[in-house]
């Protein structure tokens, strides 16, 4: 509809690099690319919907049903919640608010590729943005790719953003 912002769901995840408790290289890259190439200066024309899927039994995480939409929402969080992936969403929400773009963020629990596709069906964004590690065919067999699954199964257009070659860690499976 005219006048309503374009709703972009952005699937984000934590880095797999040991001792690096931040957004993954692919998530940050997809977010920054989306801001530079799609949003540009039209911040009122878009709403970002950040989804982080926590894998069960990782950090003894319990599902969080709250929606975080402003930096103030994170100030009341307990330390335990902040340690369980919420800090990841805080990064993206704070960056969005700094540039004046509306957003929501939430965490779900389960298999990332299945949960992302389920949330796409439930939320009905205009499109989905996912980062990609750029794994080779051998690595994809053992690790699998969330981005490929979403491109095939999500009920909306999917934009896959590859991470830059210079950002690839020593082990390309890491992100």
N, C-alpha and C. Protein backbone atom coordinates (compact mmCIF):
# COMPACT_ATOMS: atom_id res chain seq x y z
N UNK A 1 0.83 -1.19 0.00
CA UNK A 1 0.00 0.00 0.00
C UNK A 1 0.87 1.24 0.00
N UNK A 2 0.34 2.27 -0.61
CA UNK A 2 1.08 3.52 -0.67
C UNK A 2 1.17 4.14 0.72
N UNK A 3 2.33 4.67 1.05
CA UNK A 3 2.52 5.33 2.33
C UNK A 3 3.03 4.41 3.43
N UNK A 4 2.86 3.10 3.28
CA UNK A 4 3.37 2.18 4.29
C UNK A 4 4.82 1.83 3.96
N UNK A 5 5.66 1.71 4.99
CA UNK A 5 7.06 1.39 4.71
C UNK A 5 7.22 -0.04 4.19
N UNK A 6 8.26 -0.26 3.41
CA UNK A 6 8.63 -1.59 2.95
C UNK A 6 9.20 -2.33 4.15
N UNK A 7 8.66 -3.51 4.41
CA UNK A 7 9.07 -4.29 5.58
C UNK A 7 10.10 -5.35 5.16
N UNK A 8 11.33 -5.16 5.64
CA UNK A 8 12.42 -6.07 5.31
C UNK A 8 12.78 -6.88 6.55
N UNK A 9 12.63 -8.20 6.45
CA UNK A 9 13.10 -9.04 7.54
C UNK A 9 14.58 -9.31 7.30
N UNK A 10 15.38 -9.13 8.35
CA UNK A 10 16.81 -9.37 8.28
C UNK A 10 17.15 -10.45 9.30
N UNK A 11 17.55 -11.61 8.82
CA UNK A 11 17.94 -12.70 9.72
C UNK A 11 19.38 -12.47 10.16
N UNK A 12 19.60 -12.43 11.46
CA UNK A 12 20.94 -12.14 12.00
C UNK A 12 21.37 -13.26 12.94
N UNK A 13 22.67 -13.44 13.03
CA UNK A 13 23.19 -14.45 13.94
C UNK A 13 24.48 -13.98 14.58
N UNK A 14 24.86 -14.68 15.65
CA UNK A 14 26.09 -14.36 16.36
C UNK A 14 27.27 -14.97 15.62
N UNK A 15 28.43 -14.40 15.86
CA UNK A 15 29.65 -14.93 15.27
C UNK A 15 29.96 -16.30 15.85
N UNK A 16 30.51 -17.18 15.03
CA UNK A 16 30.93 -18.50 15.49
C UNK A 16 32.40 -18.51 15.89
N UNK A 17 33.07 -17.37 15.75
CA UNK A 17 34.48 -17.29 16.10
C UNK A 17 34.61 -17.26 17.62
N UNK A 18 35.36 -18.20 18.16
CA UNK A 18 35.51 -18.34 19.60
C UNK A 18 36.05 -17.05 20.22
N UNK A 19 35.38 -16.62 21.29
CA UNK A 19 35.81 -15.42 21.99
C UNK A 19 35.36 -14.13 21.32
N UNK A 20 34.46 -14.23 20.35
CA UNK A 20 33.99 -13.05 19.63
C UNK A 20 32.47 -12.97 19.74
N UNK A 21 31.96 -12.49 20.88
CA UNK A 21 30.50 -12.50 21.12
C UNK A 21 29.77 -11.32 20.47
N UNK A 22 29.82 -11.27 19.17
CA UNK A 22 29.20 -10.15 18.45
C UNK A 22 28.43 -10.69 17.25
N UNK A 23 27.87 -9.78 16.49
CA UNK A 23 27.17 -10.17 15.26
C UNK A 23 28.17 -10.82 14.31
N UNK A 24 27.69 -11.80 13.56
CA UNK A 24 28.56 -12.48 12.60
C UNK A 24 28.97 -11.52 11.48
N UNK A 25 30.04 -11.88 10.82
CA UNK A 25 30.53 -11.10 9.69
C UNK A 25 29.45 -11.00 8.63
N UNK A 26 28.78 -12.12 8.34
CA UNK A 26 27.73 -12.14 7.31
C UNK A 26 26.53 -11.29 7.69
N UNK A 27 26.13 -11.34 8.97
CA UNK A 27 24.98 -10.54 9.42
C UNK A 27 25.26 -9.05 9.32
N UNK A 28 26.44 -8.65 9.81
CA UNK A 28 26.81 -7.24 9.73
C UNK A 28 26.90 -6.79 8.28
N UNK A 29 27.51 -7.63 7.45
CA UNK A 29 27.66 -7.27 6.03
C UNK A 29 26.32 -7.14 5.33
N UNK A 30 25.40 -8.05 5.60
CA UNK A 30 24.07 -7.99 4.98
C UNK A 30 23.32 -6.74 5.44
N UNK A 31 23.42 -6.43 6.73
CA UNK A 31 22.77 -5.24 7.29
C UNK A 31 23.35 -3.97 6.66
N UNK A 32 24.66 -3.85 6.65
CA UNK A 32 25.30 -2.65 6.09
C UNK A 32 25.02 -2.51 4.60
N UNK A 33 25.04 -3.61 3.85
CA UNK A 33 24.74 -3.56 2.42
C UNK A 33 23.30 -3.08 2.21
N UNK A 34 22.40 -3.60 3.00
CA UNK A 34 20.98 -3.22 2.89
C UNK A 34 20.81 -1.72 3.15
N UNK A 35 21.49 -1.21 4.16
CA UNK A 35 21.40 0.23 4.45
C UNK A 35 21.97 1.06 3.31
N UNK A 36 23.12 0.66 2.78
CA UNK A 36 23.80 1.44 1.74
C UNK A 36 23.11 1.36 0.39
N UNK A 37 22.65 0.19 0.02
CA UNK A 37 22.15 -0.03 -1.34
C UNK A 37 20.63 0.04 -1.49
N UNK A 38 19.91 -0.21 -0.42
CA UNK A 38 18.45 -0.21 -0.53
C UNK A 38 17.84 0.96 0.22
N UNK A 39 18.14 1.07 1.50
CA UNK A 39 17.54 2.14 2.32
C UNK A 39 18.08 3.50 1.91
N UNK A 40 19.40 3.59 1.78
CA UNK A 40 20.10 4.84 1.46
C UNK A 40 19.65 5.94 2.41
N UNK A 41 19.07 7.01 1.91
CA UNK A 41 18.63 8.10 2.80
C UNK A 41 17.12 8.06 3.03
N UNK A 42 16.44 7.07 2.48
CA UNK A 42 14.98 6.97 2.61
C UNK A 42 14.59 6.16 3.85
N UNK A 43 15.03 6.62 5.02
CA UNK A 43 14.81 5.85 6.24
C UNK A 43 13.33 5.69 6.59
N UNK A 44 12.51 6.65 6.21
CA UNK A 44 11.08 6.54 6.53
C UNK A 44 10.35 5.57 5.60
N UNK A 45 10.99 5.16 4.53
CA UNK A 45 10.34 4.27 3.58
C UNK A 45 10.51 2.79 3.91
N UNK A 46 11.21 2.48 5.00
CA UNK A 46 11.50 1.10 5.34
C UNK A 46 11.31 0.83 6.82
N UNK A 47 11.00 -0.41 7.13
CA UNK A 47 10.99 -0.90 8.50
C UNK A 47 11.77 -2.21 8.50
N UNK A 48 12.77 -2.29 9.37
CA UNK A 48 13.60 -3.49 9.47
C UNK A 48 13.05 -4.40 10.56
N UNK A 49 12.97 -5.67 10.26
CA UNK A 49 12.46 -6.68 11.18
C UNK A 49 13.59 -7.67 11.44
N UNK A 50 14.29 -7.51 12.56
CA UNK A 50 15.44 -8.34 12.86
C UNK A 50 15.01 -9.61 13.58
N UNK A 51 15.45 -10.74 13.06
CA UNK A 51 15.15 -12.03 13.66
C UNK A 51 16.46 -12.76 13.96
N UNK A 52 16.61 -13.17 15.22
CA UNK A 52 17.74 -14.02 15.59
C UNK A 52 17.17 -15.35 16.04
N UNK A 53 17.67 -16.43 15.47
CA UNK A 53 17.21 -17.76 15.86
C UNK A 53 18.30 -18.41 16.69
N UNK A 54 17.95 -18.71 17.92
CA UNK A 54 18.89 -19.37 18.84
C UNK A 54 18.72 -20.87 18.70
N UNK A 55 19.83 -21.57 18.51
CA UNK A 55 19.79 -23.02 18.38
C UNK A 55 19.53 -23.60 19.77
N UNK A 56 18.58 -24.54 19.91
CA UNK A 56 18.27 -25.10 21.24
C UNK A 56 19.50 -25.66 21.94
N UNK A 57 19.49 -25.52 23.25
CA UNK A 57 20.54 -26.01 24.13
C UNK A 57 21.85 -25.24 24.00
N UNK A 58 21.87 -24.20 23.22
CA UNK A 58 23.05 -23.35 23.14
C UNK A 58 22.95 -22.36 24.29
N UNK A 59 23.91 -22.34 25.17
CA UNK A 59 23.92 -21.42 26.31
C UNK A 59 22.69 -21.58 27.19
N UNK A 60 22.09 -22.75 27.23
CA UNK A 60 20.87 -23.02 28.01
C UNK A 60 19.84 -21.90 27.82
N UNK A 61 19.64 -21.53 26.60
CA UNK A 61 18.74 -20.42 26.24
C UNK A 61 17.27 -20.81 26.37
N UNK A 62 16.50 -19.91 26.89
CA UNK A 62 15.05 -20.08 26.93
C UNK A 62 14.45 -19.06 25.98
N UNK A 63 13.40 -19.44 25.27
CA UNK A 63 12.83 -18.57 24.25
C UNK A 63 12.37 -17.23 24.83
N UNK A 64 12.62 -16.18 24.10
CA UNK A 64 12.24 -14.83 24.49
C UNK A 64 11.13 -14.39 23.54
N UNK A 65 10.00 -13.98 24.07
CA UNK A 65 8.89 -13.56 23.23
C UNK A 65 8.78 -12.05 23.11
N UNK A 66 9.61 -11.31 23.81
CA UNK A 66 9.52 -9.86 23.77
C UNK A 66 9.98 -9.33 22.43
N UNK A 67 9.45 -8.18 22.09
CA UNK A 67 9.88 -7.49 20.88
C UNK A 67 10.63 -6.25 21.33
N UNK A 68 11.81 -6.06 20.73
CA UNK A 68 12.66 -4.93 21.09
C UNK A 68 12.68 -3.94 19.93
N UNK A 69 12.30 -2.72 20.20
CA UNK A 69 12.20 -1.75 19.12
C UNK A 69 12.94 -0.45 19.39
N UNK A 70 13.51 -0.30 20.56
CA UNK A 70 14.24 0.93 20.83
C UNK A 70 15.40 0.62 21.77
N UNK A 71 16.42 1.49 21.77
CA UNK A 71 17.55 1.26 22.67
C UNK A 71 17.14 1.19 24.14
N UNK A 72 16.11 1.92 24.54
CA UNK A 72 15.65 1.91 25.92
C UNK A 72 15.13 0.54 26.35
N UNK A 73 14.58 -0.21 25.40
CA UNK A 73 14.07 -1.54 25.73
C UNK A 73 15.17 -2.46 26.26
N UNK A 74 16.40 -2.23 25.86
CA UNK A 74 17.49 -3.10 26.27
C UNK A 74 18.05 -2.74 27.63
N UNK A 75 17.81 -1.52 28.09
CA UNK A 75 18.37 -1.09 29.36
C UNK A 75 17.78 -1.85 30.55
N UNK A 76 16.57 -2.34 30.41
CA UNK A 76 15.93 -3.04 31.51
C UNK A 76 16.20 -4.55 31.49
N UNK A 77 16.98 -5.01 30.54
CA UNK A 77 17.25 -6.45 30.43
C UNK A 77 18.13 -6.94 31.57
N UNK A 78 17.88 -8.15 32.00
CA UNK A 78 18.72 -8.78 33.02
C UNK A 78 20.04 -9.19 32.37
N UNK A 79 21.09 -9.30 33.18
CA UNK A 79 22.40 -9.72 32.65
C UNK A 79 22.31 -11.07 31.95
N UNK A 80 21.55 -12.00 32.51
CA UNK A 80 21.44 -13.33 31.92
C UNK A 80 20.85 -13.25 30.51
N UNK A 81 19.82 -12.44 30.34
CA UNK A 81 19.21 -12.29 29.03
C UNK A 81 20.18 -11.65 28.04
N UNK A 82 20.94 -10.68 28.51
CA UNK A 82 21.89 -10.00 27.64
C UNK A 82 22.96 -10.98 27.15
N UNK A 83 23.29 -11.95 27.98
CA UNK A 83 24.32 -12.92 27.60
C UNK A 83 23.79 -13.97 26.63
N UNK A 84 22.50 -14.05 26.46
CA UNK A 84 21.90 -15.10 25.63
C UNK A 84 21.38 -14.59 24.30
N UNK A 85 22.15 -13.82 23.60
CA UNK A 85 21.79 -13.40 22.26
C UNK A 85 21.08 -12.07 22.14
N UNK A 86 20.59 -11.54 23.26
CA UNK A 86 19.86 -10.27 23.19
C UNK A 86 20.81 -9.13 22.80
N UNK A 87 22.08 -9.22 23.24
CA UNK A 87 23.05 -8.18 22.89
C UNK A 87 23.21 -8.07 21.38
N UNK A 88 23.01 -9.18 20.69
CA UNK A 88 23.10 -9.18 19.23
C UNK A 88 22.02 -8.28 18.65
N UNK A 89 20.79 -8.44 19.12
CA UNK A 89 19.70 -7.60 18.63
C UNK A 89 19.89 -6.16 19.03
N UNK A 90 20.44 -5.95 20.21
CA UNK A 90 20.70 -4.59 20.67
C UNK A 90 21.59 -3.84 19.69
N UNK A 91 22.60 -4.51 19.16
CA UNK A 91 23.51 -3.90 18.19
C UNK A 91 22.73 -3.38 16.98
N UNK A 92 21.87 -4.24 16.40
CA UNK A 92 21.15 -3.87 15.19
C UNK A 92 20.07 -2.81 15.46
N UNK A 93 19.39 -2.92 16.58
CA UNK A 93 18.36 -1.92 16.94
C UNK A 93 19.01 -0.56 17.18
N UNK A 94 20.12 -0.54 17.91
CA UNK A 94 20.80 0.74 18.17
C UNK A 94 21.27 1.39 16.87
N UNK A 95 21.87 0.59 15.98
CA UNK A 95 22.33 1.14 14.69
C UNK A 95 21.16 1.69 13.89
N UNK A 96 20.03 0.99 13.90
CA UNK A 96 18.85 1.44 13.16
C UNK A 96 18.33 2.76 13.71
N UNK A 97 18.26 2.86 15.02
CA UNK A 97 17.77 4.09 15.64
C UNK A 97 18.73 5.26 15.43
N UNK A 98 20.03 4.98 15.38
CA UNK A 98 21.01 6.04 15.12
C UNK A 98 20.75 6.72 13.78
N UNK A 99 20.31 5.95 12.79
CA UNK A 99 20.07 6.54 11.48
C UNK A 99 18.60 6.87 11.24
N UNK A 100 17.75 6.57 12.21
CA UNK A 100 16.34 6.95 12.13
C UNK A 100 15.45 6.01 11.34
N UNK A 101 15.78 4.72 11.34
CA UNK A 101 14.94 3.76 10.63
C UNK A 101 14.16 2.93 11.65
N UNK A 102 12.86 2.78 11.42
CA UNK A 102 12.01 2.00 12.32
C UNK A 102 12.42 0.53 12.28
N UNK A 103 12.28 -0.13 13.42
CA UNK A 103 12.64 -1.55 13.44
C UNK A 103 11.93 -2.27 14.58
N UNK A 104 11.94 -3.57 14.47
CA UNK A 104 11.52 -4.47 15.54
C UNK A 104 12.56 -5.58 15.56
N UNK A 105 12.70 -6.25 16.69
CA UNK A 105 13.66 -7.34 16.78
C UNK A 105 13.15 -8.37 17.76
N UNK A 106 13.37 -9.64 17.45
CA UNK A 106 12.94 -10.70 18.35
C UNK A 106 13.80 -11.93 18.16
N UNK A 107 13.69 -12.81 19.14
CA UNK A 107 14.45 -14.05 19.15
C UNK A 107 13.47 -15.21 19.14
N UNK A 108 13.80 -16.22 18.37
CA UNK A 108 13.06 -17.49 18.36
C UNK A 108 14.07 -18.60 18.58
N UNK A 109 13.57 -19.76 18.88
CA UNK A 109 14.42 -20.90 19.17
C UNK A 109 14.12 -22.03 18.19
N UNK A 110 15.16 -22.69 17.68
CA UNK A 110 14.95 -23.83 16.80
C UNK A 110 16.01 -23.91 15.72
N UNK A 111 15.70 -24.66 14.69
CA UNK A 111 16.58 -24.80 13.54
C UNK A 111 16.47 -23.50 12.74
N UNK A 112 17.56 -22.74 12.59
CA UNK A 112 17.46 -21.43 11.95
C UNK A 112 16.74 -21.42 10.61
N UNK A 113 17.05 -22.33 9.72
CA UNK A 113 16.42 -22.29 8.39
C UNK A 113 14.91 -22.52 8.48
N UNK A 114 14.48 -23.44 9.33
CA UNK A 114 13.05 -23.72 9.49
C UNK A 114 12.33 -22.55 10.16
N UNK A 115 12.94 -22.01 11.22
CA UNK A 115 12.32 -20.92 11.97
C UNK A 115 12.22 -19.66 11.12
N UNK A 116 13.27 -19.35 10.38
CA UNK A 116 13.22 -18.15 9.53
C UNK A 116 12.08 -18.26 8.54
N UNK A 117 11.95 -19.40 7.88
CA UNK A 117 10.87 -19.57 6.90
C UNK A 117 9.50 -19.52 7.58
N UNK A 118 9.39 -20.07 8.78
CA UNK A 118 8.12 -19.99 9.52
C UNK A 118 7.78 -18.54 9.86
N UNK A 119 8.78 -17.80 10.33
CA UNK A 119 8.55 -16.40 10.69
C UNK A 119 8.20 -15.55 9.46
N UNK A 120 8.79 -15.87 8.32
CA UNK A 120 8.43 -15.17 7.08
C UNK A 120 6.94 -15.38 6.79
N UNK A 121 6.49 -16.61 6.93
CA UNK A 121 5.07 -16.91 6.70
C UNK A 121 4.19 -16.19 7.70
N UNK A 122 4.62 -16.14 8.95
CA UNK A 122 3.83 -15.51 10.02
C UNK A 122 3.82 -13.98 9.91
N UNK A 123 4.97 -13.37 9.67
CA UNK A 123 5.11 -11.91 9.68
C UNK A 123 4.76 -11.28 8.33
N UNK A 124 5.00 -12.02 7.25
CA UNK A 124 4.73 -11.55 5.89
C UNK A 124 5.50 -10.27 5.52
N UNK A 125 6.84 -10.32 5.62
CA UNK A 125 7.62 -9.16 5.18
C UNK A 125 7.57 -9.04 3.66
N UNK A 126 7.95 -7.88 3.15
CA UNK A 126 8.01 -7.69 1.70
C UNK A 126 9.15 -8.50 1.10
N UNK A 127 10.26 -8.63 1.84
CA UNK A 127 11.33 -9.52 1.44
C UNK A 127 12.23 -9.84 2.61
N UNK A 128 13.05 -10.85 2.43
CA UNK A 128 13.96 -11.35 3.46
C UNK A 128 15.39 -11.09 3.03
N UNK A 129 16.22 -10.61 3.95
CA UNK A 129 17.64 -10.41 3.69
C UNK A 129 18.42 -11.38 4.59
N UNK A 130 19.30 -12.16 3.97
CA UNK A 130 20.15 -13.07 4.73
C UNK A 130 21.59 -12.92 4.26
N UNK A 131 22.51 -13.11 5.18
CA UNK A 131 23.91 -13.10 4.83
C UNK A 131 24.34 -14.50 4.42
N UNK A 132 25.43 -14.58 3.70
CA UNK A 132 25.95 -15.87 3.25
C UNK A 132 27.46 -15.92 3.49
N UNK A 133 27.92 -17.04 4.02
CA UNK A 133 29.35 -17.21 4.27
C UNK A 133 30.12 -17.52 3.00
N UNK A 134 29.43 -17.95 1.94
CA UNK A 134 30.10 -18.29 0.69
C UNK A 134 30.85 -19.60 0.78
N UNK A 135 30.24 -20.59 1.41
CA UNK A 135 30.88 -21.89 1.54
C UNK A 135 31.00 -22.59 0.20
N UNK A 136 32.05 -23.38 0.04
CA UNK A 136 32.23 -24.17 -1.17
C UNK A 136 31.33 -25.41 -1.11
N UNK A 137 31.26 -26.17 -2.21
CA UNK A 137 30.37 -27.33 -2.28
C UNK A 137 30.67 -28.39 -1.23
N UNK A 138 31.93 -28.61 -0.93
CA UNK A 138 32.30 -29.61 0.06
C UNK A 138 31.81 -29.20 1.45
N UNK A 139 32.02 -27.93 1.80
CA UNK A 139 31.60 -27.44 3.12
C UNK A 139 30.09 -27.40 3.25
N UNK A 140 29.40 -27.09 2.15
CA UNK A 140 27.93 -27.03 2.21
C UNK A 140 27.34 -28.39 2.55
N UNK A 141 27.98 -29.47 2.09
CA UNK A 141 27.48 -30.82 2.37
C UNK A 141 27.47 -31.08 3.87
N UNK A 142 28.52 -30.65 4.57
CA UNK A 142 28.63 -30.93 5.99
C UNK A 142 27.98 -29.86 6.87
N UNK A 143 28.01 -28.64 6.46
CA UNK A 143 27.50 -27.55 7.28
C UNK A 143 26.08 -27.16 6.86
N UNK A 144 25.79 -27.22 5.56
CA UNK A 144 24.49 -26.77 5.06
C UNK A 144 24.44 -25.25 5.05
N UNK A 145 23.51 -24.69 4.31
CA UNK A 145 23.41 -23.24 4.31
C UNK A 145 21.98 -22.81 4.54
N UNK A 146 21.84 -21.91 5.47
CA UNK A 146 20.54 -21.34 5.79
C UNK A 146 20.05 -20.51 4.61
N UNK A 147 20.97 -19.75 4.00
CA UNK A 147 20.56 -18.86 2.91
C UNK A 147 19.99 -19.63 1.73
N UNK A 148 20.60 -20.76 1.35
CA UNK A 148 20.07 -21.56 0.24
C UNK A 148 18.69 -22.12 0.57
N UNK A 149 18.52 -22.61 1.78
CA UNK A 149 17.23 -23.16 2.20
C UNK A 149 16.15 -22.08 2.13
N UNK A 150 16.47 -20.90 2.67
CA UNK A 150 15.50 -19.80 2.67
C UNK A 150 15.15 -19.35 1.26
N UNK A 151 16.16 -19.31 0.39
CA UNK A 151 15.90 -18.91 -1.00
C UNK A 151 14.92 -19.86 -1.67
N UNK A 152 14.97 -21.12 -1.31
CA UNK A 152 14.08 -22.12 -1.90
C UNK A 152 12.71 -22.20 -1.23
N UNK A 153 12.65 -21.92 0.08
CA UNK A 153 11.43 -22.23 0.82
C UNK A 153 10.69 -21.03 1.42
N UNK A 154 11.29 -19.88 1.50
CA UNK A 154 10.62 -18.73 2.11
C UNK A 154 9.49 -18.23 1.21
N UNK A 155 8.41 -17.77 1.84
CA UNK A 155 7.23 -17.28 1.12
C UNK A 155 7.34 -15.81 0.74
N UNK A 156 8.53 -15.37 0.37
CA UNK A 156 8.73 -13.99 -0.09
C UNK A 156 10.05 -13.96 -0.85
N UNK A 157 10.32 -12.89 -1.58
CA UNK A 157 11.62 -12.78 -2.24
C UNK A 157 12.74 -12.78 -1.20
N UNK A 158 13.87 -13.39 -1.54
CA UNK A 158 15.01 -13.49 -0.62
C UNK A 158 16.22 -12.85 -1.28
N UNK A 159 16.84 -11.96 -0.57
CA UNK A 159 18.06 -11.29 -1.02
C UNK A 159 19.21 -11.85 -0.19
N UNK A 160 20.15 -12.53 -0.85
CA UNK A 160 21.29 -13.13 -0.18
C UNK A 160 22.52 -12.27 -0.43
N UNK A 161 23.16 -11.84 0.65
CA UNK A 161 24.32 -10.97 0.56
C UNK A 161 25.55 -11.79 0.95
N UNK A 162 26.48 -11.96 0.00
CA UNK A 162 27.71 -12.69 0.28
C UNK A 162 28.65 -11.82 1.11
N UNK A 163 29.39 -12.46 1.98
CA UNK A 163 30.39 -11.69 2.72
C UNK A 163 31.57 -11.43 1.79
N UNK A 164 32.24 -10.33 2.03
CA UNK A 164 33.36 -9.92 1.18
C UNK A 164 34.53 -10.88 1.37
N UNK A 165 35.27 -11.11 0.30
CA UNK A 165 36.39 -12.04 0.33
C UNK A 165 37.40 -11.67 1.41
N UNK A 166 37.65 -10.40 1.60
CA UNK A 166 38.61 -9.94 2.60
C UNK A 166 38.13 -10.13 4.03
N UNK A 167 36.87 -10.46 4.22
CA UNK A 167 36.32 -10.66 5.56
C UNK A 167 36.27 -12.12 5.96
N UNK A 168 36.78 -13.00 5.12
CA UNK A 168 36.70 -14.43 5.40
C UNK A 168 37.75 -14.82 6.45
N UNK A 169 37.30 -15.43 7.57
CA UNK A 169 38.24 -15.87 8.59
C UNK A 169 39.13 -17.01 8.05
N UNK A 170 40.12 -17.40 8.85
CA UNK A 170 41.02 -18.47 8.43
C UNK A 170 40.24 -19.74 8.09
N UNK A 171 39.25 -20.08 8.90
CA UNK A 171 38.38 -21.22 8.62
C UNK A 171 37.10 -20.64 8.04
N UNK A 172 36.80 -20.83 6.75
CA UNK A 172 35.64 -20.21 6.13
C UNK A 172 34.29 -20.63 6.72
N UNK A 173 34.28 -21.71 7.49
CA UNK A 173 33.03 -22.12 8.15
C UNK A 173 32.71 -21.12 9.26
N UNK A 174 33.76 -20.53 9.87
CA UNK A 174 33.54 -19.51 10.90
C UNK A 174 32.90 -18.28 10.28
N UNK A 175 32.20 -17.56 11.11
CA UNK A 175 31.54 -16.34 10.64
C UNK A 175 31.48 -15.37 11.80
